């Protein structure tokens, strides 16, 4: 196993993590901005008003994207397992 191969595996792992987390983080960002805008317009300062919609939106996105998340992780795992015989050479 060379250092180039370790760097390649690390890079692919980070790319896969970013691909999976992007919809979740984007949803949290958009909902957070919308709730903050609503709080600014109505002058309501309640901390739970920020937390509950974000949790609900991220939970909904997890449910909607779960098959795609599993597909991405399974294909990444299969690619790693295909590389195992090449590491011993």
N, C-alpha and C. Protein backbone atom coordinates (compact mmCIF):
# COMPACT_ATOMS: atom_id res chain seq x y z
N UNK A 1 0.85 -1.16 0.00
CA UNK A 1 0.00 0.00 0.00
C UNK A 1 0.90 1.23 0.00
N UNK A 2 0.73 2.07 -1.00
CA UNK A 2 1.55 3.27 -1.12
C UNK A 2 0.83 4.46 -0.50
N UNK A 3 1.57 5.51 -0.32
CA UNK A 3 0.97 6.73 0.23
C UNK A 3 -0.03 7.33 -0.75
N UNK A 4 0.23 7.18 -2.04
CA UNK A 4 -0.73 7.69 -3.03
C UNK A 4 -2.07 6.98 -2.91
N UNK A 5 -2.02 5.68 -2.67
CA UNK A 5 -3.25 4.91 -2.53
C UNK A 5 -4.01 5.31 -1.26
N UNK A 6 -3.30 5.55 -0.19
CA UNK A 6 -3.93 5.98 1.06
C UNK A 6 -4.59 7.35 0.87
N UNK A 7 -3.90 8.24 0.16
CA UNK A 7 -4.47 9.56 -0.12
C UNK A 7 -5.71 9.43 -1.00
N UNK A 8 -5.67 8.53 -1.97
CA UNK A 8 -6.82 8.30 -2.84
C UNK A 8 -8.02 7.80 -2.03
N UNK A 9 -7.80 6.83 -1.17
CA UNK A 9 -8.89 6.29 -0.34
C UNK A 9 -9.45 7.39 0.58
N UNK A 10 -8.57 8.17 1.18
CA UNK A 10 -9.03 9.26 2.05
C UNK A 10 -9.84 10.30 1.29
N UNK A 11 -9.38 10.63 0.08
CA UNK A 11 -10.10 11.60 -0.74
C UNK A 11 -11.47 11.09 -1.13
N UNK A 12 -11.55 9.84 -1.53
CA UNK A 12 -12.84 9.26 -1.91
C UNK A 12 -13.79 9.17 -0.71
N UNK A 13 -13.24 8.89 0.47
CA UNK A 13 -14.07 8.84 1.67
C UNK A 13 -14.65 10.21 1.98
N UNK A 14 -13.83 11.24 1.90
CA UNK A 14 -14.30 12.60 2.16
C UNK A 14 -15.33 13.03 1.12
N UNK A 15 -15.09 12.69 -0.15
CA UNK A 15 -16.06 13.02 -1.20
C UNK A 15 -17.40 12.35 -0.95
N UNK A 16 -17.37 11.09 -0.56
CA UNK A 16 -18.61 10.36 -0.28
C UNK A 16 -19.34 10.98 0.91
N UNK A 17 -18.61 11.36 1.94
CA UNK A 17 -19.24 11.99 3.11
C UNK A 17 -19.88 13.32 2.73
N UNK A 18 -19.20 14.10 1.90
CA UNK A 18 -19.75 15.39 1.48
C UNK A 18 -20.99 15.19 0.63
N UNK A 19 -20.96 14.20 -0.26
CA UNK A 19 -22.11 13.92 -1.11
C UNK A 19 -23.32 13.53 -0.27
N UNK A 20 -23.11 12.76 0.77
CA UNK A 20 -24.22 12.32 1.62
C UNK A 20 -24.71 13.45 2.52
N UNK A 21 -23.81 14.25 3.04
CA UNK A 21 -24.20 15.28 4.00
C UNK A 21 -24.71 16.56 3.36
N UNK A 22 -24.43 16.80 2.09
CA UNK A 22 -24.84 18.05 1.45
C UNK A 22 -26.35 18.29 1.50
N UNK A 23 -27.19 17.31 1.16
CA UNK A 23 -28.64 17.59 1.25
C UNK A 23 -29.11 17.88 2.68
N UNK A 24 -28.51 17.21 3.65
CA UNK A 24 -28.92 17.43 5.04
C UNK A 24 -28.51 18.82 5.52
N UNK A 25 -27.28 19.18 5.26
CA UNK A 25 -26.80 20.49 5.70
C UNK A 25 -27.48 21.62 4.93
N UNK A 26 -27.73 21.41 3.64
CA UNK A 26 -28.42 22.43 2.86
C UNK A 26 -29.84 22.65 3.35
N UNK A 27 -30.53 21.57 3.68
CA UNK A 27 -31.88 21.69 4.21
C UNK A 27 -31.88 22.44 5.54
N UNK A 28 -30.96 22.08 6.41
CA UNK A 28 -30.86 22.77 7.70
C UNK A 28 -30.57 24.25 7.53
N UNK A 29 -29.72 24.58 6.56
CA UNK A 29 -29.38 25.98 6.30
C UNK A 29 -30.59 26.75 5.79
N UNK A 30 -31.28 26.20 4.81
CA UNK A 30 -32.44 26.90 4.22
C UNK A 30 -33.55 27.07 5.25
N UNK A 31 -33.86 26.03 5.99
CA UNK A 31 -34.91 26.12 7.00
C UNK A 31 -34.50 27.10 8.10
N UNK A 32 -33.25 27.08 8.49
CA UNK A 32 -32.78 28.01 9.51
C UNK A 32 -32.91 29.46 9.07
N UNK A 33 -32.56 29.73 7.81
CA UNK A 33 -32.69 31.10 7.30
C UNK A 33 -34.16 31.52 7.23
N UNK A 34 -35.02 30.61 6.77
CA UNK A 34 -36.45 30.95 6.69
C UNK A 34 -37.05 31.20 8.06
N UNK A 35 -36.69 30.38 9.04
CA UNK A 35 -37.21 30.57 10.39
C UNK A 35 -36.66 31.86 10.99
N UNK A 36 -35.40 32.15 10.76
CA UNK A 36 -34.82 33.40 11.27
C UNK A 36 -35.49 34.61 10.63
N UNK A 37 -35.78 34.51 9.34
CA UNK A 37 -36.48 35.60 8.66
C UNK A 37 -37.88 35.77 9.25
N UNK A 38 -38.58 34.66 9.49
CA UNK A 38 -39.90 34.72 10.12
C UNK A 38 -39.81 35.33 11.51
N UNK A 39 -38.80 34.95 12.28
CA UNK A 39 -38.65 35.51 13.63
C UNK A 39 -38.35 37.00 13.58
N UNK A 40 -37.59 37.42 12.60
CA UNK A 40 -37.26 38.84 12.48
C UNK A 40 -38.49 39.65 12.11
N UNK A 41 -39.28 39.14 11.19
CA UNK A 41 -40.47 39.86 10.75
C UNK A 41 -41.50 39.94 11.87
N UNK A 42 -41.71 38.86 12.59
CA UNK A 42 -42.74 38.84 13.63
C UNK A 42 -42.20 39.23 15.01
N UNK A 43 -40.92 39.40 15.14
CA UNK A 43 -40.25 39.75 16.39
C UNK A 43 -40.52 38.73 17.50
N UNK A 44 -40.61 37.47 17.11
CA UNK A 44 -40.75 36.37 18.08
C UNK A 44 -39.36 35.83 18.35
N UNK A 45 -38.96 35.76 19.62
CA UNK A 45 -37.65 35.25 19.98
C UNK A 45 -37.81 33.99 20.83
N UNK A 46 -38.05 32.89 20.17
CA UNK A 46 -38.23 31.61 20.86
C UNK A 46 -37.23 30.62 20.28
N UNK A 47 -36.42 30.02 21.14
CA UNK A 47 -35.37 29.11 20.67
C UNK A 47 -35.95 27.82 20.09
N UNK A 48 -37.04 27.32 20.66
CA UNK A 48 -37.61 26.08 20.14
C UNK A 48 -38.21 26.27 18.76
N UNK A 49 -38.59 27.50 18.43
CA UNK A 49 -39.12 27.78 17.10
C UNK A 49 -38.05 27.57 16.04
N UNK A 50 -36.81 27.69 16.39
CA UNK A 50 -35.72 27.44 15.46
C UNK A 50 -35.40 25.96 15.36
N UNK A 51 -35.41 25.27 16.47
CA UNK A 51 -34.96 23.89 16.52
C UNK A 51 -35.94 22.90 15.90
N UNK A 52 -37.20 23.01 16.23
CA UNK A 52 -38.20 22.02 15.81
C UNK A 52 -38.37 21.98 14.29
N UNK A 53 -38.51 23.09 13.58
CA UNK A 53 -38.63 23.00 12.12
C UNK A 53 -37.38 22.43 11.45
N UNK A 54 -36.22 22.76 11.97
CA UNK A 54 -34.98 22.19 11.40
C UNK A 54 -34.95 20.68 11.57
N UNK A 55 -35.29 20.22 12.77
CA UNK A 55 -35.29 18.78 13.02
C UNK A 55 -36.31 18.07 12.13
N UNK A 56 -37.48 18.66 11.98
CA UNK A 56 -38.51 18.05 11.15
C UNK A 56 -38.09 18.01 9.68
N UNK A 57 -37.50 19.10 9.19
CA UNK A 57 -37.09 19.15 7.78
C UNK A 57 -35.95 18.17 7.50
N UNK A 58 -34.97 18.13 8.39
CA UNK A 58 -33.85 17.21 8.19
C UNK A 58 -34.32 15.76 8.30
N UNK A 59 -35.23 15.48 9.22
CA UNK A 59 -35.79 14.14 9.32
C UNK A 59 -36.54 13.73 8.06
N UNK A 60 -37.30 14.66 7.49
CA UNK A 60 -38.02 14.39 6.25
C UNK A 60 -37.05 14.14 5.09
N UNK A 61 -35.98 14.92 5.03
CA UNK A 61 -34.98 14.74 3.97
C UNK A 61 -34.28 13.39 4.14
N UNK A 62 -34.01 12.99 5.36
CA UNK A 62 -33.40 11.68 5.60
C UNK A 62 -34.32 10.58 5.09
N UNK A 63 -35.60 10.68 5.39
CA UNK A 63 -36.55 9.67 4.92
C UNK A 63 -36.66 9.64 3.40
N UNK A 64 -36.66 10.82 2.78
CA UNK A 64 -36.79 10.88 1.32
C UNK A 64 -35.54 10.41 0.59
N UNK A 65 -34.37 10.74 1.13
CA UNK A 65 -33.12 10.44 0.46
C UNK A 65 -32.46 9.15 0.94
N UNK A 66 -33.08 8.46 1.88
CA UNK A 66 -32.45 7.26 2.46
C UNK A 66 -32.08 6.20 1.41
N UNK A 67 -32.94 5.89 0.44
CA UNK A 67 -32.51 4.91 -0.58
C UNK A 67 -31.28 5.37 -1.36
N UNK A 68 -31.21 6.65 -1.66
CA UNK A 68 -30.05 7.18 -2.38
C UNK A 68 -28.81 7.14 -1.49
N UNK A 69 -28.95 7.50 -0.21
CA UNK A 69 -27.82 7.44 0.73
C UNK A 69 -27.27 6.01 0.78
N UNK A 70 -28.16 5.05 0.91
CA UNK A 70 -27.73 3.65 1.00
C UNK A 70 -27.04 3.23 -0.29
N UNK A 71 -27.55 3.66 -1.43
CA UNK A 71 -26.93 3.33 -2.71
C UNK A 71 -25.51 3.89 -2.81
N UNK A 72 -25.33 5.13 -2.38
CA UNK A 72 -24.00 5.76 -2.43
C UNK A 72 -23.03 5.02 -1.51
N UNK A 73 -23.46 4.70 -0.30
CA UNK A 73 -22.58 4.02 0.66
C UNK A 73 -22.25 2.61 0.20
N UNK A 74 -23.25 1.90 -0.34
CA UNK A 74 -23.00 0.53 -0.81
C UNK A 74 -22.04 0.53 -1.99
N UNK A 75 -22.21 1.46 -2.93
CA UNK A 75 -21.28 1.49 -4.07
C UNK A 75 -19.88 1.87 -3.62
N UNK A 76 -19.75 2.76 -2.64
CA UNK A 76 -18.43 3.11 -2.11
C UNK A 76 -17.79 1.90 -1.43
N UNK A 77 -18.59 1.17 -0.64
CA UNK A 77 -18.08 0.00 0.06
C UNK A 77 -17.66 -1.09 -0.91
N UNK A 78 -18.46 -1.30 -1.95
CA UNK A 78 -18.10 -2.29 -2.96
C UNK A 78 -16.80 -1.91 -3.66
N UNK A 79 -16.62 -0.63 -3.93
CA UNK A 79 -15.38 -0.18 -4.57
C UNK A 79 -14.18 -0.41 -3.66
N UNK A 80 -14.35 -0.18 -2.36
CA UNK A 80 -13.26 -0.42 -1.41
C UNK A 80 -12.93 -1.91 -1.37
N UNK A 81 -13.96 -2.77 -1.33
CA UNK A 81 -13.71 -4.22 -1.29
C UNK A 81 -13.07 -4.72 -2.58
N UNK A 82 -13.36 -4.09 -3.69
CA UNK A 82 -12.71 -4.47 -4.95
C UNK A 82 -11.22 -4.13 -4.93
N UNK A 83 -10.87 -3.13 -4.14
CA UNK A 83 -9.48 -2.69 -4.07
C UNK A 83 -8.63 -3.54 -3.12
N UNK A 84 -9.24 -4.34 -2.28
CA UNK A 84 -8.49 -5.14 -1.29
C UNK A 84 -7.49 -6.08 -1.93
N UNK A 85 -7.83 -6.85 -2.99
CA UNK A 85 -6.81 -7.71 -3.59
C UNK A 85 -5.65 -6.92 -4.20
N UNK A 86 -5.92 -5.70 -4.64
CA UNK A 86 -4.85 -4.90 -5.23
C UNK A 86 -3.87 -4.38 -4.18
N UNK A 87 -4.30 -4.29 -2.92
CA UNK A 87 -3.43 -3.79 -1.87
C UNK A 87 -2.35 -4.79 -1.51
N UNK A 88 -2.62 -6.07 -1.71
CA UNK A 88 -1.63 -7.09 -1.31
C UNK A 88 -0.54 -7.28 -2.36
N UNK A 89 -0.74 -6.72 -3.52
CA UNK A 89 0.26 -6.91 -4.60
C UNK A 89 1.39 -5.92 -4.47
